[in-house]
C-alpha cells in the first residue's frame, strides 16, 4: 500500500505564491514597456510605410502572447506548476517576438533616417 497522502502530491505540484507574484510583476512591467514602445513608435514623425509591417506584426504578436501569459498568471490555477510553466513559455515566446520586432523597427527607422539625411548628389 502507498503511504503517500494524495494532498501531499497536490502540494508538491504547486508553486509558492510569492514566487508567482514576482513573475506576475515582471510580466506586467515588460508588457508595459512593450505597449509603451509600440505607442511611442506609432507617434514617430517618420511616415509609416508597408514595409513597417515587418516590424509591427511581430511586436503585436509578442504583445498578444505577453497579455495571454499575464492572463494565465493572474488566474488562481497558475499556482499549479504545469499552468505556471506554460504561462512562462508563452511569455518568453512573446518577449522574443517583441524583441525581434523592436530590433527590426530600430533598423527600419535608422535606414529611413540615413536615407533622408544623405547629402544631395552623394552616392
PDB file of N, CA and C in Angstrom:
ATOM      1  N   UNK A   1       0.822  -1.179   0.000  1.00  0.00           N
ATOM      2  CA  UNK A   1       0.000   0.000   0.000  1.00  0.00           C
ATOM      3  C   UNK A   1       0.869   1.247   0.000  1.00  0.00           C
ATOM      4  N   UNK A   2       0.320   2.274  -0.573  1.00  0.00           N
ATOM      5  CA  UNK A   2       1.049   3.535  -0.680  1.00  0.00           C
ATOM      6  C   UNK A   2       0.765   4.379   0.555  1.00  0.00           C
ATOM      7  N   UNK A   3       1.835   4.820   1.226  1.00  0.00           N
ATOM      8  CA  UNK A   3       1.678   5.631   2.434  1.00  0.00           C
ATOM      9  C   UNK A   3       1.539   7.119   2.121  1.00  0.00           C
ATOM     10  N   UNK A   4       1.688   7.485   0.845  1.00  0.00           N
ATOM     11  CA  UNK A   4       1.608   8.897   0.486  1.00  0.00           C
ATOM     12  C   UNK A   4       0.177   9.393   0.543  1.00  0.00           C
ATOM     13  N   UNK A   5       0.054  10.591   1.064  1.00  0.00           N
ATOM     14  CA  UNK A   5      -1.241  11.259   1.124  1.00  0.00           C
ATOM     15  C   UNK A   5      -1.472  11.973  -0.220  1.00  0.00           C
ATOM     16  N   UNK A   6      -2.646  11.803  -0.841  1.00  0.00           N
ATOM     17  CA  UNK A   6      -2.903  12.479  -2.125  1.00  0.00           C
ATOM     18  C   UNK A   6      -2.766  14.001  -2.022  1.00  0.00           C
ATOM     19  N   UNK A   7      -3.050  14.554  -0.851  1.00  0.00           N
ATOM     20  CA  UNK A   7      -2.921  16.001  -0.672  1.00  0.00           C
ATOM     21  C   UNK A   7      -1.454  16.427  -0.759  1.00  0.00           C
ATOM     22  N   UNK A   8      -0.538  15.556  -0.328  1.00  0.00           N
ATOM     23  CA  UNK A   8       0.889  15.865  -0.424  1.00  0.00           C
ATOM     24  C   UNK A   8       1.321  15.923  -1.878  1.00  0.00           C
ATOM     25  N   UNK A   9       0.816  15.011  -2.711  1.00  0.00           N
ATOM     26  CA  UNK A   9       1.142  15.034  -4.137  1.00  0.00           C
ATOM     27  C   UNK A   9       0.675  16.343  -4.766  1.00  0.00           C
ATOM     28  N   UNK A  10      -0.498  16.797  -4.369  1.00  0.00           N
ATOM     29  CA  UNK A  10      -1.032  18.043  -4.894  1.00  0.00           C
ATOM     30  C   UNK A  10      -0.171  19.216  -4.448  1.00  0.00           C
ATOM     31  N   UNK A  11       0.269  19.223  -3.192  1.00  0.00           N
ATOM     32  CA  UNK A  11       1.109  20.309  -2.674  1.00  0.00           C
ATOM     33  C   UNK A  11       2.462  20.338  -3.364  1.00  0.00           C
ATOM     34  N   UNK A  12       3.004  19.179  -3.713  1.00  0.00           N
ATOM     35  CA  UNK A  12       4.288  19.127  -4.400  1.00  0.00           C
ATOM     36  C   UNK A  12       4.193  19.700  -5.802  1.00  0.00           C
ATOM     37  N   UNK A  13       3.018  19.681  -6.389  1.00  0.00           N
ATOM     38  CA  UNK A  13       2.816  20.164  -7.740  1.00  0.00           C
ATOM     39  C   UNK A  13       2.497  21.663  -7.769  1.00  0.00           C
ATOM     40  N   UNK A  14       2.440  22.305  -6.605  1.00  0.00           N
ATOM     41  CA  UNK A  14       2.133  23.732  -6.533  1.00  0.00           C
ATOM     42  C   UNK A  14       3.410  24.545  -6.386  1.00  0.00           C
ATOM     43  N   UNK A  15       3.365  25.772  -6.886  1.00  0.00           N
ATOM     44  CA  UNK A  15       4.492  26.680  -6.688  1.00  0.00           C
ATOM     45  C   UNK A  15       4.133  27.647  -5.569  1.00  0.00           C
ATOM     46  N   UNK A  16       5.134  28.302  -5.030  1.00  0.00           N
ATOM     47  CA  UNK A  16       4.916  29.273  -3.963  1.00  0.00           C
ATOM     48  C   UNK A  16       4.232  30.515  -4.520  1.00  0.00           C
ATOM     49  N   UNK A  17       3.288  31.070  -3.786  1.00  0.00           N
ATOM     50  CA  UNK A  17       2.586  32.266  -4.250  1.00  0.00           C
ATOM     51  C   UNK A  17       3.530  33.459  -4.367  1.00  0.00           C
ATOM     52  N   UNK A  18       4.509  33.555  -3.467  1.00  0.00           N
ATOM     53  CA  UNK A  18       5.467  34.663  -3.529  1.00  0.00           C
ATOM     54  C   UNK A  18       6.253  34.600  -4.834  1.00  0.00           C
ATOM     55  N   UNK A  19       6.647  33.405  -5.236  1.00  0.00           N
ATOM     56  CA  UNK A  19       7.385  33.212  -6.482  1.00  0.00           C
ATOM     57  C   UNK A  19       6.519  33.615  -7.665  1.00  0.00           C
ATOM     58  N   UNK A  20       5.283  33.176  -7.659  1.00  0.00           N
ATOM     59  CA  UNK A  20       4.355  33.514  -8.751  1.00  0.00           C
ATOM     60  C   UNK A  20       4.114  35.017  -8.800  1.00  0.00           C
ATOM     61  N   UNK A  21       3.993  35.660  -7.642  1.00  0.00           N
ATOM     62  CA  UNK A  21       3.747  37.104  -7.610  1.00  0.00           C
ATOM     63  C   UNK A  21       4.898  37.882  -8.238  1.00  0.00           C
ATOM     64  N   UNK A  22       6.124  37.437  -8.019  1.00  0.00           N
ATOM     65  CA  UNK A  22       7.268  38.084  -8.649  1.00  0.00           C
ATOM     66  C   UNK A  22       7.233  37.946 -10.156  1.00  0.00           C
ATOM     67  N   UNK A  23       6.802  36.795 -10.615  1.00  0.00           N
ATOM     68  CA  UNK A  23       6.689  36.565 -12.047  1.00  0.00           C
ATOM     69  C   UNK A  23       5.602  37.448 -12.645  1.00  0.00           C
ATOM     70  N   UNK A  24       4.484  37.575 -11.954  1.00  0.00           N
ATOM     71  CA  UNK A  24       3.396  38.446 -12.423  1.00  0.00           C
ATOM     72  C   UNK A  24       3.897  39.882 -12.539  1.00  0.00           C
ATOM     73  N   UNK A  25       4.667  40.340 -11.565  1.00  0.00           N
ATOM     74  CA  UNK A  25       5.213  41.697 -11.590  1.00  0.00           C
ATOM     75  C   UNK A  25       6.137  41.883 -12.794  1.00  0.00           C
ATOM     76  N   UNK A  26       7.017  40.930 -13.007  1.00  0.00           N
ATOM     77  CA  UNK A  26       7.954  41.004 -14.131  1.00  0.00           C
ATOM     78  C   UNK A  26       7.216  41.026 -15.464  1.00  0.00           C
ATOM     79  N   UNK A  27       6.264  40.141 -15.622  1.00  0.00           N
ATOM     80  CA  UNK A  27       5.495  40.078 -16.870  1.00  0.00           C
ATOM     81  C   UNK A  27       4.747  41.390 -17.081  1.00  0.00           C
ATOM     82  N   UNK A  28       4.146  41.920 -16.030  1.00  0.00           N
ATOM     83  CA  UNK A  28       3.409  43.182 -16.138  1.00  0.00           C
ATOM     84  C   UNK A  28       4.295  44.349 -16.544  1.00  0.00           C
ATOM     85  N   UNK A  29       5.478  44.428 -15.958  1.00  0.00           N
ATOM     86  CA  UNK A  29       6.398  45.527 -16.280  1.00  0.00           C
ATOM     87  C   UNK A  29       6.882  45.422 -17.724  1.00  0.00           C
ATOM     88  N   UNK A  30       7.285  44.227 -18.148  1.00  0.00           N
ATOM     89  CA  UNK A  30       7.764  44.068 -19.522  1.00  0.00           C
ATOM     90  C   UNK A  30       6.649  44.266 -20.546  1.00  0.00           C
ATOM     91  N   UNK A  31       5.428  43.876 -20.201  1.00  0.00           N
ATOM     92  CA  UNK A  31       4.285  44.133 -21.075  1.00  0.00           C
ATOM     93  C   UNK A  31       4.051  45.637 -21.207  1.00  0.00           C
ATOM     94  N   UNK A  32       4.176  46.368 -20.098  1.00  0.00           N
ATOM     95  CA  UNK A  32       4.013  47.819 -20.140  1.00  0.00           C
ATOM     96  C   UNK A  32       5.076  48.467 -21.016  1.00  0.00           C
ATOM     97  N   UNK A  33       6.316  47.995 -20.930  1.00  0.00           N
ATOM     98  CA  UNK A  33       7.372  48.516 -21.799  1.00  0.00           C
ATOM     99  C   UNK A  33       7.059  48.225 -23.263  1.00  0.00           C
ATOM    100  N   UNK A  34       6.562  47.040 -23.549  1.00  0.00           N
ATOM    101  CA  UNK A  34       6.223  46.677 -24.924  1.00  0.00           C
ATOM    102  C   UNK A  34       5.110  47.571 -25.461  1.00  0.00           C
ATOM    103  N   UNK A  35       4.082  47.771 -24.663  1.00  0.00           N
ATOM    104  CA  UNK A  35       2.985  48.644 -25.080  1.00  0.00           C
ATOM    105  C   UNK A  35       3.464  50.084 -25.230  1.00  0.00           C
ATOM    106  N   UNK A  36       4.348  50.511 -24.344  1.00  0.00           N
ATOM    107  CA  UNK A  36       4.909  51.856 -24.436  1.00  0.00           C
ATOM    108  C   UNK A  36       5.723  52.049 -25.696  1.00  0.00           C
ATOM    109  N   UNK A  37       6.492  51.026 -26.072  1.00  0.00           N
ATOM    110  CA  UNK A  37       7.297  51.134 -27.285  1.00  0.00           C
ATOM    111  C   UNK A  37       6.414  51.279 -28.512  1.00  0.00           C
ATOM    112  N   UNK A  38       5.401  50.425 -28.631  1.00  0.00           N
ATOM    113  CA  UNK A  38       4.563  50.474 -29.831  1.00  0.00           C
ATOM    114  C   UNK A  38       3.791  51.795 -29.875  1.00  0.00           C
ATOM    115  N   UNK A  39       3.405  52.321 -28.723  1.00  0.00           N
ATOM    116  CA  UNK A  39       2.720  53.618 -28.672  1.00  0.00           C
ATOM    117  C   UNK A  39       3.662  54.734 -29.105  1.00  0.00           C
ATOM    118  N   UNK A  40       4.877  54.700 -28.593  1.00  0.00           N
ATOM    119  CA  UNK A  40       5.865  55.721 -28.940  1.00  0.00           C
ATOM    120  C   UNK A  40       6.223  55.642 -30.423  1.00  0.00           C
ATOM    121  N   UNK A  41       6.383  54.441 -30.940  1.00  0.00           N
ATOM    122  CA  UNK A  41       6.735  54.270 -32.336  1.00  0.00           C
ATOM    123  C   UNK A  41       5.598  54.725 -33.245  1.00  0.00           C
ATOM    124  N   UNK A  42       4.360  54.496 -32.828  1.00  0.00           N
ATOM    125  CA  UNK A  42       3.210  54.927 -33.628  1.00  0.00           C
ATOM    126  C   UNK A  42       3.155  56.449 -33.736  1.00  0.00           C
ATOM    127  N   UNK A  43       3.659  57.149 -32.705  1.00  0.00           N
ATOM    128  CA  UNK A  43       3.663  58.609 -32.707  1.00  0.00           C
ATOM    129  C   UNK A  43       4.911  59.181 -33.378  1.00  0.00           C
ATOM    130  N   UNK A  44       5.779  58.331 -33.894  1.00  0.00           N
ATOM    131  CA  UNK A  44       7.011  58.744 -34.556  1.00  0.00           C
ATOM    132  C   UNK A  44       6.671  59.614 -35.771  1.00  0.00           C
ATOM    133  N   UNK A  45       7.408  60.708 -35.972  1.00  0.00           N
ATOM    134  CA  UNK A  45       7.099  61.581 -37.111  1.00  0.00           C
ATOM    135  C   UNK A  45       7.436  60.982 -38.478  1.00  0.00           C
ATOM    136  N   UNK A  46       8.213  59.912 -38.520  1.00  0.00           N
ATOM    137  CA  UNK A  46       8.527  59.276 -39.799  1.00  0.00           C
ATOM    138  C   UNK A  46       7.255  58.606 -40.317  1.00  0.00           C
ATOM    139  N   UNK A  47       6.871  58.906 -41.556  1.00  0.00           N
ATOM    140  CA  UNK A  47       5.631  58.299 -42.082  1.00  0.00           C
ATOM    141  C   UNK A  47       5.728  56.773 -42.163  1.00  0.00           C
ATOM    142  N   UNK A  48       4.613  56.128 -41.892  1.00  0.00           N
ATOM    143  CA  UNK A  48       4.553  54.669 -41.949  1.00  0.00           C
ATOM    144  C   UNK A  48       4.487  54.223 -43.406  1.00  0.00           C
ATOM    145  N   UNK A  49       5.161  53.132 -43.677  1.00  0.00           N
ATOM    146  CA  UNK A  49       5.154  52.508 -44.996  1.00  0.00           C
ATOM    147  C   UNK A  49       4.756  51.041 -44.831  1.00  0.00           C
ATOM    148  N   UNK A  50       4.438  50.403 -45.940  1.00  0.00           N
ATOM    149  CA  UNK A  50       4.015  48.998 -45.890  1.00  0.00           C
ATOM    150  C   UNK A  50       5.111  48.101 -45.313  1.00  0.00           C
ATOM    151  N   UNK A  51       6.378  48.428 -45.571  1.00  0.00           N
ATOM    152  CA  UNK A  51       7.463  47.580 -45.067  1.00  0.00           C
ATOM    153  C   UNK A  51       7.601  47.645 -43.540  1.00  0.00           C
ATOM    154  N   UNK A  52       6.966  48.616 -42.900  1.00  0.00           N
ATOM    155  CA  UNK A  52       6.982  48.672 -41.437  1.00  0.00           C
ATOM    156  C   UNK A  52       6.207  47.507 -40.815  1.00  0.00           C
ATOM    157  N   UNK A  53       5.342  46.893 -41.600  1.00  0.00           N
ATOM    158  CA  UNK A  53       4.596  45.734 -41.095  1.00  0.00           C
ATOM    159  C   UNK A  53       5.531  44.596 -40.696  1.00  0.00           C
ATOM    160  N   UNK A  54       6.713  44.561 -41.320  1.00  0.00           N
ATOM    161  CA  UNK A  54       7.708  43.547 -40.975  1.00  0.00           C
ATOM    162  C   UNK A  54       8.070  43.648 -39.492  1.00  0.00           C
ATOM    163  N   UNK A  55       8.051  44.850 -38.949  1.00  0.00           N
ATOM    164  CA  UNK A  55       8.364  45.052 -37.538  1.00  0.00           C
ATOM    165  C   UNK A  55       7.109  45.075 -36.663  1.00  0.00           C
ATOM    166  N   UNK A  56       6.039  45.645 -37.174  1.00  0.00           N
ATOM    167  CA  UNK A  56       4.819  45.809 -36.369  1.00  0.00           C
ATOM    168  C   UNK A  56       4.166  44.466 -36.051  1.00  0.00           C
ATOM    169  N   UNK A  57       4.109  43.580 -37.021  1.00  0.00           N
ATOM    170  CA  UNK A  57       3.420  42.304 -36.798  1.00  0.00           C
ATOM    171  C   UNK A  57       4.061  41.464 -35.694  1.00  0.00           C
ATOM    172  N   UNK A  58       5.399  41.296 -35.666  1.00  0.00           N
ATOM    173  CA  UNK A  58       5.964  40.531 -34.549  1.00  0.00           C
ATOM    174  C   UNK A  58       5.781  41.235 -33.196  1.00  0.00           C
ATOM    175  N   UNK A  59       5.824  42.566 -33.207  1.00  0.00           N
ATOM    176  CA  UNK A  59       5.613  43.289 -31.941  1.00  0.00           C
ATOM    177  C   UNK A  59       4.202  43.041 -31.430  1.00  0.00           C
ATOM    178  N   UNK A  60       3.217  43.173 -32.314  1.00  0.00           N
ATOM    179  CA  UNK A  60       1.824  42.959 -31.891  1.00  0.00           C
ATOM    180  C   UNK A  60       1.573  41.510 -31.487  1.00  0.00           C
ATOM    181  N   UNK A  61       2.166  40.565 -32.209  1.00  0.00           N
ATOM    182  CA  UNK A  61       2.016  39.150 -31.828  1.00  0.00           C
ATOM    183  C   UNK A  61       2.673  38.908 -30.475  1.00  0.00           C
ATOM    184  N   UNK A  62       3.839  39.499 -30.262  1.00  0.00           N
ATOM    185  CA  UNK A  62       4.528  39.361 -28.980  1.00  0.00           C
ATOM    186  C   UNK A  62       3.740  39.962 -27.834  1.00  0.00           C
ATOM    187  N   UNK A  63       3.143  41.128 -28.072  1.00  0.00           N
ATOM    188  CA  UNK A  63       2.322  41.764 -27.036  1.00  0.00           C
ATOM    189  C   UNK A  63       1.114  40.896 -26.718  1.00  0.00           C
ATOM    190  N   UNK A  64       0.494  40.329 -27.746  1.00  0.00           N
ATOM    191  CA  UNK A  64      -0.662  39.448 -27.522  1.00  0.00           C
ATOM    192  C   UNK A  64      -0.262  38.230 -26.686  1.00  0.00           C
ATOM    193  N   UNK A  65       0.901  37.648 -26.976  1.00  0.00           N
ATOM    194  CA  UNK A  65       1.369  36.499 -26.190  1.00  0.00           C
ATOM    195  C   UNK A  65       1.692  36.904 -24.750  1.00  0.00           C
ATOM    196  N   UNK A  66       2.281  38.068 -24.576  1.00  0.00           N
ATOM    197  CA  UNK A  66       2.563  38.544 -23.220  1.00  0.00           C
ATOM    198  C   UNK A  66       1.270  38.767 -22.438  1.00  0.00           C
ATOM    199  N   UNK A  67       0.264  39.310 -23.109  1.00  0.00           N
ATOM    200  CA  UNK A  67      -1.028  39.516 -22.442  1.00  0.00           C
ATOM    201  C   UNK A  67      -1.666  38.183 -22.066  1.00  0.00           C
ATOM    202  N   UNK A  68      -1.540  37.199 -22.940  1.00  0.00           N
ATOM    203  CA  UNK A  68      -2.073  35.859 -22.642  1.00  0.00           C
ATOM    204  C   UNK A  68      -1.364  35.261 -21.432  1.00  0.00           C
ATOM    205  N   UNK A  69      -0.038  35.427 -21.385  1.00  0.00           N
ATOM    206  CA  UNK A  69       0.729  34.908 -20.253  1.00  0.00           C
ATOM    207  C   UNK A  69       0.302  35.594 -18.961  1.00  0.00           C
ATOM    208  N   UNK A  70       0.122  36.907 -19.008  1.00  0.00           N
ATOM    209  CA  UNK A  70      -0.319  37.628 -17.810  1.00  0.00           C
ATOM    210  C   UNK A  70      -1.695  37.159 -17.380  1.00  0.00           C
ATOM    211  N   UNK A  71      -2.562  36.939 -18.347  1.00  0.00           N
ATOM    212  CA  UNK A  71      -3.902  36.429 -18.046  1.00  0.00           C
ATOM    213  C   UNK A  71      -3.835  35.071 -17.347  1.00  0.00           C
ATOM    214  N   UNK A  72      -2.978  34.188 -17.853  1.00  0.00           N
ATOM    215  CA  UNK A  72      -2.819  32.871 -17.224  1.00  0.00           C
ATOM    216  C   UNK A  72      -2.246  32.993 -15.814  1.00  0.00           C
ATOM    217  N   UNK A  73      -1.278  33.885 -15.649  1.00  0.00           N
ATOM    218  CA  UNK A  73      -0.630  34.029 -14.340  1.00  0.00           C
ATOM    219  C   UNK A  73      -1.549  34.658 -13.296  1.00  0.00           C
ATOM    220  N   UNK A  74      -2.506  35.452 -13.723  1.00  0.00           N
ATOM    221  CA  UNK A  74      -3.426  36.078 -12.773  1.00  0.00           C
ATOM    222  C   UNK A  74      -4.518  35.128 -12.305  1.00  0.00           C
ATOM    223  N   UNK A  75      -4.694  34.032 -13.020  1.00  0.00           N
ATOM    224  CA  UNK A  75      -5.684  33.034 -12.636  1.00  0.00           C
ATOM    225  C   UNK A  75      -5.158  32.221 -11.451  1.00  0.00           C
ATOM    226  N   UNK A  76      -6.039  31.820 -10.567  1.00  0.00           N
ATOM    227  CA  UNK A  76      -5.657  31.042  -9.380  1.00  0.00           C
ATOM    228  C   UNK A  76      -5.031  29.706  -9.779  1.00  0.00           C
ATOM    229  N   UNK A  77      -5.394  29.185 -10.946  1.00  0.00           N
ATOM    230  CA  UNK A  77      -4.823  27.913 -11.412  1.00  0.00           C
ATOM    231  C   UNK A  77      -3.329  28.011 -11.718  1.00  0.00           C
ATOM    232  N   UNK A  78      -2.807  29.240 -11.809  1.00  0.00           N
ATOM    233  CA  UNK A  78      -1.380  29.391 -12.126  1.00  0.00           C
ATOM    234  C   UNK A  78      -0.488  28.961 -10.966  1.00  0.00           C
ATOM    235  N   UNK A  79      -1.069  28.628  -9.843  1.00  0.00           N
ATOM    236  CA  UNK A  79      -0.280  28.074  -8.739  1.00  0.00           C
ATOM    237  C   UNK A  79       0.096  26.617  -9.023  1.00  0.00           C
ATOM    238  N   UNK A  80      -0.584  26.012  -9.988  1.00  0.00           N
ATOM    239  CA  UNK A  80      -0.207  24.661 -10.408  1.00  0.00           C
ATOM    240  C   UNK A  80       1.019  24.771 -11.310  1.00  0.00           C
ATOM    241  N   UNK A  81       1.990  23.946 -11.058  1.00  0.00           N
ATOM    242  CA  UNK A  81       3.268  24.036 -11.764  1.00  0.00           C
ATOM    243  C   UNK A  81       3.107  23.964 -13.284  1.00  0.00           C
ATOM    244  N   UNK A  82       2.264  23.086 -13.780  1.00  0.00           N
ATOM    245  CA  UNK A  82       2.135  22.942 -15.236  1.00  0.00           C
ATOM    246  C   UNK A  82       1.536  24.199 -15.863  1.00  0.00           C
ATOM    247  N   UNK A  83       0.566  24.836 -15.209  1.00  0.00           N
ATOM    248  CA  UNK A  83      -0.032  26.073 -15.727  1.00  0.00           C
ATOM    249  C   UNK A  83       0.990  27.208 -15.667  1.00  0.00           C
ATOM    250  N   UNK A  84       1.712  27.272 -14.560  1.00  0.00           N
ATOM    251  CA  UNK A  84       2.735  28.300 -14.375  1.00  0.00           C
ATOM    252  C   UNK A  84       3.829  28.178 -15.442  1.00  0.00           C
ATOM    253  N   UNK A  85       4.293  26.960 -15.678  1.00  0.00           N
ATOM    254  CA  UNK A  85       5.343  26.747 -16.683  1.00  0.00           C
ATOM    255  C   UNK A  85       4.843  27.062 -18.089  1.00  0.00           C
ATOM    256  N   UNK A  86       3.591  26.748 -18.368  1.00  0.00           N
ATOM    257  CA  UNK A  86       3.002  27.070 -19.683  1.00  0.00           C
ATOM    258  C   UNK A  86       2.945  28.581 -19.870  1.00  0.00           C
ATOM    259  N   UNK A  87       2.522  29.297 -18.833  1.00  0.00           N
ATOM    260  CA  UNK A  87       2.463  30.762 -18.909  1.00  0.00           C
ATOM    261  C   UNK A  87       3.856  31.341 -19.132  1.00  0.00           C
ATOM    262  N   UNK A  88       4.852  30.769 -18.476  1.00  0.00           N
ATOM    263  CA  UNK A  88       6.230  31.238 -18.664  1.00  0.00           C
ATOM    264  C   UNK A  88       6.706  31.014 -20.097  1.00  0.00           C
ATOM    265  N   UNK A  89       6.379  29.861 -20.675  1.00  0.00           N
ATOM    266  CA  UNK A  89       6.779  29.589 -22.066  1.00  0.00           C
ATOM    267  C   UNK A  89       6.100  30.561 -23.029  1.00  0.00           C
ATOM    268  N   UNK A  90       4.820  30.811 -22.807  1.00  0.00           N
ATOM    269  CA  UNK A  90       4.080  31.754 -23.654  1.00  0.00           C
ATOM    270  C   UNK A  90       4.687  33.153 -23.524  1.00  0.00           C
ATOM    271  N   UNK A  91       5.010  33.548 -22.288  1.00  0.00           N
ATOM    272  CA  UNK A  91       5.602  34.863 -22.071  1.00  0.00           C
ATOM    273  C   UNK A  91       6.947  34.992 -22.776  1.00  0.00           C
ATOM    274  N   UNK A  92       7.794  33.967 -22.656  1.00  0.00           N
ATOM    275  CA  UNK A  92       9.110  34.026 -23.292  1.00  0.00           C
ATOM    276  C   UNK A  92       8.974  34.100 -24.811  1.00  0.00           C
ATOM    277  N   UNK A  93       8.027  33.376 -25.385  1.00  0.00           N
ATOM    278  CA  UNK A  93       7.789  33.463 -26.832  1.00  0.00           C
ATOM    279  C   UNK A  93       7.357  34.884 -27.202  1.00  0.00           C
ATOM    280  N   UNK A  94       6.474  35.453 -26.406  1.00  0.00           N
ATOM    281  CA  UNK A  94       6.026  36.827 -26.650  1.00  0.00           C
ATOM    282  C   UNK A  94       7.155  37.831 -26.533  1.00  0.00           C
ATOM    283  N   UNK A  95       8.016  37.622 -25.554  1.00  0.00           N
ATOM    284  CA  UNK A  95       9.148  38.513 -25.358  1.00  0.00           C
ATOM    285  C   UNK A  95      10.115  38.432 -26.545  1.00  0.00           C
ATOM    286  N   UNK A  96      10.338  37.238 -27.049  1.00  0.00           N
ATOM    287  CA  UNK A  96      11.230  37.058 -28.202  1.00  0.00           C
ATOM    288  C   UNK A  96      10.633  37.712 -29.452  1.00  0.00           C
ATOM    289  N   UNK A  97       9.345  37.497 -29.690  1.00  0.00           N
ATOM    290  CA  UNK A  97       8.684  38.139 -30.828  1.00  0.00           C
ATOM    291  C   UNK A  97       8.799  39.658 -30.727  1.00  0.00           C
ATOM    292  N   UNK A  98       8.498  40.190 -29.551  1.00  0.00           N
ATOM    293  CA  UNK A  98       8.542  41.636 -29.357  1.00  0.00           C
ATOM    294  C   UNK A  98       9.950  42.177 -29.548  1.00  0.00           C
ATOM    295  N   UNK A  99      10.938  41.500 -28.987  1.00  0.00           N
ATOM    296  CA  UNK A  99      12.325  41.957 -29.123  1.00  0.00           C
ATOM    297  C   UNK A  99      12.761  41.948 -30.585  1.00  0.00           C
ATOM    298  N   UNK A 100      12.392  40.921 -31.322  1.00  0.00           N
ATOM    299  CA  UNK A 100      12.735  40.871 -32.749  1.00  0.00           C
ATOM    300  C   UNK A 100      12.062  42.008 -33.511  1.00  0.00           C
ATOM    301  N   UNK A 101      10.802  42.255 -33.207  1.00  0.00           N
ATOM    302  CA  UNK A 101      10.083  43.357 -33.857  1.00  0.00           C
ATOM    303  C   UNK A 101      10.675  44.713 -33.516  1.00  0.00           C
ATOM    304  N   UNK A 102      11.055  44.910 -32.261  1.00  0.00           N
ATOM    305  CA  UNK A 102      11.671  46.175 -31.850  1.00  0.00           C
ATOM    306  C   UNK A 102      13.005  46.350 -32.571  1.00  0.00           C
ATOM    307  N   UNK A 103      13.789  45.289 -32.653  1.00  0.00           N
ATOM    308  CA  UNK A 103      15.058  45.364 -33.379  1.00  0.00           C
ATOM    309  C   UNK A 103      14.847  45.745 -34.837  1.00  0.00           C
ATOM    310  N   UNK A 104      13.855  45.137 -35.469  1.00  0.00           N
ATOM    311  CA  UNK A 104      13.556  45.464 -36.863  1.00  0.00           C
ATOM    312  C   UNK A 104      13.080  46.916 -36.996  1.00  0.00           C
ATOM    313  N   UNK A 105      12.264  47.361 -36.034  1.00  0.00           N
ATOM    314  CA  UNK A 105      11.772  48.741 -36.072  1.00  0.00           C
ATOM    315  C   UNK A 105      12.919  49.736 -35.960  1.00  0.00           C
ATOM    316  N   UNK A 106      13.858  49.453 -35.082  1.00  0.00           N
ATOM    317  CA  UNK A 106      15.017  50.337 -34.931  1.00  0.00           C
ATOM    318  C   UNK A 106      15.827  50.379 -36.219  1.00  0.00           C
ATOM    319  N   UNK A 107      16.053  49.216 -36.814  1.00  0.00           N
ATOM    320  CA  UNK A 107      16.795  49.178 -38.077  1.00  0.00           C
ATOM    321  C   UNK A 107      16.055  49.912 -39.199  1.00  0.00           C
ATOM    322  N   UNK A 108      14.752  49.712 -39.293  1.00  0.00           N
ATOM    323  CA  UNK A 108      13.977  50.398 -40.329  1.00  0.00           C
ATOM    324  C   UNK A 108      14.046  51.907 -40.152  1.00  0.00           C
ATOM    325  N   UNK A 109      13.900  52.381 -38.916  1.00  0.00           N
ATOM    326  CA  UNK A 109      13.987  53.819 -38.654  1.00  0.00           C
ATOM    327  C   UNK A 109      15.384  54.342 -38.956  1.00  0.00           C
ATOM    328  N   UNK A 110      16.389  53.593 -38.578  1.00  0.00           N
ATOM    329  CA  UNK A 110      17.767  54.005 -38.825  1.00  0.00           C
ATOM    330  C   UNK A 110      18.016  54.170 -40.322  1.00  0.00           C
ATOM    331  N   UNK A 111      17.617  53.169 -41.113  1.00  0.00           N
ATOM    332  CA  UNK A 111      17.847  53.244 -42.549  1.00  0.00           C
ATOM    333  C   UNK A 111      16.993  54.325 -43.198  1.00  0.00           C
ATOM    334  N   UNK A 112      15.781  54.550 -42.676  1.00  0.00           N
ATOM    335  CA  UNK A 112      14.924  55.597 -43.219  1.00  0.00           C
ATOM    336  C   UNK A 112      15.527  56.972 -42.940  1.00  0.00           C
ATOM    337  N   UNK A 113      16.018  57.183 -41.739  1.00  0.00           N
ATOM    338  CA  UNK A 113      16.646  58.461 -41.387  1.00  0.00           C
ATOM    339  C   UNK A 113      17.946  58.642 -42.167  1.00  0.00           C
ATOM    340  N   UNK A 114      18.735  57.591 -42.281  1.00  0.00           N
ATOM    341  CA  UNK A 114      20.005  57.675 -43.013  1.00  0.00           C
ATOM    342  C   UNK A 114      19.771  58.020 -44.481  1.00  0.00           C
ATOM    343  N   UNK A 115      18.736  57.476 -45.074  1.00  0.00           N
ATOM    344  CA  UNK A 115      18.416  57.750 -46.473  1.00  0.00           C
ATOM    345  C   UNK A 115      18.005  59.202 -46.657  1.00  0.00           C
ATOM    346  N   UNK A 116      17.197  59.727 -45.734  1.00  0.00           N
ATOM    347  CA  UNK A 116      16.705  61.097 -45.861  1.00  0.00           C
ATOM    348  C   UNK A 116      17.774  62.134 -45.526  1.00  0.00           C
ATOM    349  N   UNK A 117      18.749  61.763 -44.685  1.00  0.00           N
ATOM    350  CA  UNK A 117      19.740  62.747 -44.293  1.00  0.00           C
ATOM    351  C   UNK A 117      20.989  62.705 -45.161  1.00  0.00           C
ATOM    352  N   UNK A 118      21.002  61.857 -46.164  1.00  0.00           N
ATOM    353  CA  UNK A 118      22.154  61.804 -47.070  1.00  0.00           C
ATOM    354  C   UNK A 118      22.253  63.117 -47.843  1.00  0.00           C
ATOM    355  N   UNK A 119      23.457  63.534 -48.081  1.00  0.00           N
ATOM    356  CA  UNK A 119      23.668  64.777 -48.824  1.00  0.00           C
ATOM    357  C   UNK A 119      23.178  64.622 -50.267  1.00  0.00           C
ATOM    358  N   UNK A 120      22.581  65.672 -50.812  1.00  0.00           N
ATOM    359  CA  UNK A 120      22.138  65.587 -52.203  1.00  0.00           C
ATOM    360  C   UNK A 120      23.323  65.371 -53.128  1.00  0.00           C
ATOM    361  N   UNK A 121      23.194  64.454 -54.045  1.00  0.00           N
ATOM    362  CA  UNK A 121      24.243  64.165 -55.006  1.00  0.00           C
ATOM    363  C   UNK A 121      25.295  63.202 -54.513  1.00  0.00           C
ATOM    364  N   UNK A 122      25.289  62.886 -53.182  1.00  0.00           N
ATOM    365  CA  UNK A 122      26.274  61.948 -52.641  1.00  0.00           C
ATOM    366  C   UNK A 122      25.783  60.529 -52.867  1.00  0.00           C
ATOM    367  N   UNK A 123      26.660  59.669 -53.268  1.00  0.00           N
ATOM    368  CA  UNK A 123      26.276  58.278 -53.505  1.00  0.00           C
ATOM    369  C   UNK A 123      27.066  57.354 -52.646  1.00  0.00           C
TER     370      UNK A 123
END
